[in-house]
Amino acid sequence: MPTYEYCCDACRENVEVFQKMSEEPLEVCPKCGEKALRRLISGGSGLIFKGSGFYITDYKNKSTSSAPTSK
């Protein structure tokens, strides 16, 4: 579910709200109660990786063998 950022023209508060994309934009400010809320346009957060990271062995090609050769 995306996060939308709103700004109230009455009290100048910024509010972040989790909403479905199909929901109508909010109009009433949850801070002051005025009907002066407008949705802001942002660039988004992009792709976020969490965790310990990726390693070369994570997606290793299974068809190639890296077994040592005997002498």
C-alpha atoms as a PDB file:
ATOM      1  CA  MET A   1       0.000   0.000   0.000  1.00  0.00           C
ATOM      2  CA  PRO A   2       1.510   3.347  -0.986  1.00  0.00           C
ATOM      3  CA  THR A   3       2.216   6.219   1.370  1.00  0.00           C
ATOM      4  CA  TYR A   4       0.818   9.599   0.367  1.00  0.00           C
ATOM      5  CA  GLU A   5       1.992  12.908   1.760  1.00  0.00           C
ATOM      6  CA  TYR A   6      -0.520  15.671   2.373  1.00  0.00           C
ATOM      7  CA  CYS A   7      -0.118  19.332   3.334  1.00  0.00           C
ATOM      8  CA  CYS A   8      -2.763  21.380   5.133  1.00  0.00           C
ATOM      9  CA  ASP A   9      -3.107  24.921   3.800  1.00  0.00           C
ATOM     10  CA  ALA A  10      -4.711  26.044   7.077  1.00  0.00           C
ATOM     11  CA  CYS A  11      -2.203  24.824   9.694  1.00  0.00           C
ATOM     12  CA  ARG A  12       0.763  24.027   7.392  1.00  0.00           C
ATOM     13  CA  GLU A  13       1.176  20.517   8.835  1.00  0.00           C
ATOM     14  CA  ASN A  14       2.512  17.684   6.675  1.00  0.00           C
ATOM     15  CA  VAL A  15       0.827  14.310   7.128  1.00  0.00           C
ATOM     16  CA  GLU A  16       1.792  10.896   5.727  1.00  0.00           C
ATOM     17  CA  VAL A  17      -1.092   8.470   5.170  1.00  0.00           C
ATOM     18  CA  PHE A  18      -1.150   4.825   4.014  1.00  0.00           C
ATOM     19  CA  GLN A  19      -3.920   4.541   1.406  1.00  0.00           C
ATOM     20  CA  LYS A  20      -4.956   2.268  -1.385  1.00  0.00           C
ATOM     21  CA  MET A  21      -4.400   3.698  -4.853  1.00  0.00           C
ATOM     22  CA  SER A  22      -8.146   3.428  -5.517  1.00  0.00           C
ATOM     23  CA  GLU A  23      -9.130   5.531  -2.469  1.00  0.00           C
ATOM     24  CA  GLU A  24     -10.184   9.144  -2.875  1.00  0.00           C
ATOM     25  CA  PRO A  25      -7.689  11.769  -1.638  1.00  0.00           C
ATOM     26  CA  LEU A  26      -8.273  13.093   1.878  1.00  0.00           C
ATOM     27  CA  GLU A  27      -9.751  16.578   2.244  1.00  0.00           C
ATOM     28  CA  VAL A  28     -10.054  17.132   6.012  1.00  0.00           C
ATOM     29  CA  CYS A  29      -6.869  17.694   8.006  1.00  0.00           C
ATOM     30  CA  PRO A  30      -6.514  15.222  10.908  1.00  0.00           C
ATOM     31  CA  LYS A  31      -4.567  17.844  12.930  1.00  0.00           C
ATOM     32  CA  CYS A  32      -6.825  20.935  12.751  1.00  0.00           C
ATOM     33  CA  GLY A  33     -10.048  19.579  11.207  1.00  0.00           C
ATOM     34  CA  GLU A  34     -10.164  22.123   8.369  1.00  0.00           C
ATOM     35  CA  LYS A  35     -11.089  21.102   4.822  1.00  0.00           C
ATOM     36  CA  ALA A  36      -7.801  22.443   3.426  1.00  0.00           C
ATOM     37  CA  LEU A  37      -5.783  19.279   2.826  1.00  0.00           C
ATOM     38  CA  ARG A  38      -4.059  18.680  -0.520  1.00  0.00           C
ATOM     39  CA  ARG A  39      -2.002  15.736  -1.720  1.00  0.00           C
ATOM     40  CA  LEU A  40       1.617  16.478  -2.549  1.00  0.00           C
ATOM     41  CA  ILE A  41       3.447  15.021  -5.520  1.00  0.00           C
ATOM     42  CA  SER A  42       6.729  13.340  -4.692  1.00  0.00           C
ATOM     43  CA  GLY A  43       9.358  11.340  -6.500  1.00  0.00           C
ATOM     44  CA  GLY A  44       8.775   8.298  -4.334  1.00  0.00           C
ATOM     45  CA  SER A  45      11.308   6.367  -2.369  1.00  0.00           C
ATOM     46  CA  GLY A  46      12.449   4.067  -5.129  1.00  0.00           C
ATOM     47  CA  LEU A  47      13.809   0.632  -4.451  1.00  0.00           C
ATOM     48  CA  ILE A  48      14.870  -0.148  -0.895  1.00  0.00           C
ATOM     49  CA  PHE A  49      17.003  -3.179  -0.061  1.00  0.00           C
ATOM     50  CA  LYS A  50      16.875  -4.458   3.499  1.00  0.00           C
ATOM     51  CA  GLY A  51      18.904  -7.235   5.011  1.00  0.00           C
ATOM     52  CA  SER A  52      22.472  -8.399   4.854  1.00  0.00           C
ATOM     53  CA  GLY A  53      22.825  -7.969   1.094  1.00  0.00           C
ATOM     54  CA  PHE A  54      23.350 -10.112  -1.969  1.00  0.00           C
ATOM     55  CA  TYR A  55      26.200 -12.459  -2.637  1.00  0.00           C
ATOM     56  CA  ILE A  56      27.616 -13.856  -5.857  1.00  0.00           C
ATOM     57  CA  THR A  57      26.493 -17.346  -4.785  1.00  0.00           C
ATOM     58  CA  ASP A  58      22.838 -16.312  -4.370  1.00  0.00           C
ATOM     59  CA  TYR A  59      22.074 -16.574  -8.093  1.00  0.00           C
ATOM     60  CA  LYS A  60      24.852 -18.831  -9.225  1.00  0.00           C
ATOM     61  CA  ASN A  61      24.313 -20.624 -12.509  1.00  0.00           C
ATOM     62  CA  LYS A  62      23.624 -24.272 -11.604  1.00  0.00           C
ATOM     63  CA  SER A  63      24.846 -25.641 -14.951  1.00  0.00           C
ATOM     64  CA  THR A  64      28.489 -24.716 -14.402  1.00  0.00           C
ATOM     65  CA  SER A  65      30.540 -26.717 -11.968  1.00  0.00           C
ATOM     66  CA  SER A  66      33.166 -25.156  -9.790  1.00  0.00           C
ATOM     67  CA  ALA A  67      34.431 -28.477  -8.418  1.00  0.00           C
ATOM     68  CA  PRO A  68      38.183 -28.662  -8.103  1.00  0.00           C
ATOM     69  CA  THR A  69      40.008 -30.908 -10.581  1.00  0.00           C
ATOM     70  CA  SER A  70      42.165 -33.735  -9.253  1.00  0.00           C
ATOM     71  CA  LYS A  71      45.815 -34.112 -10.292  1.00  0.00           C
END
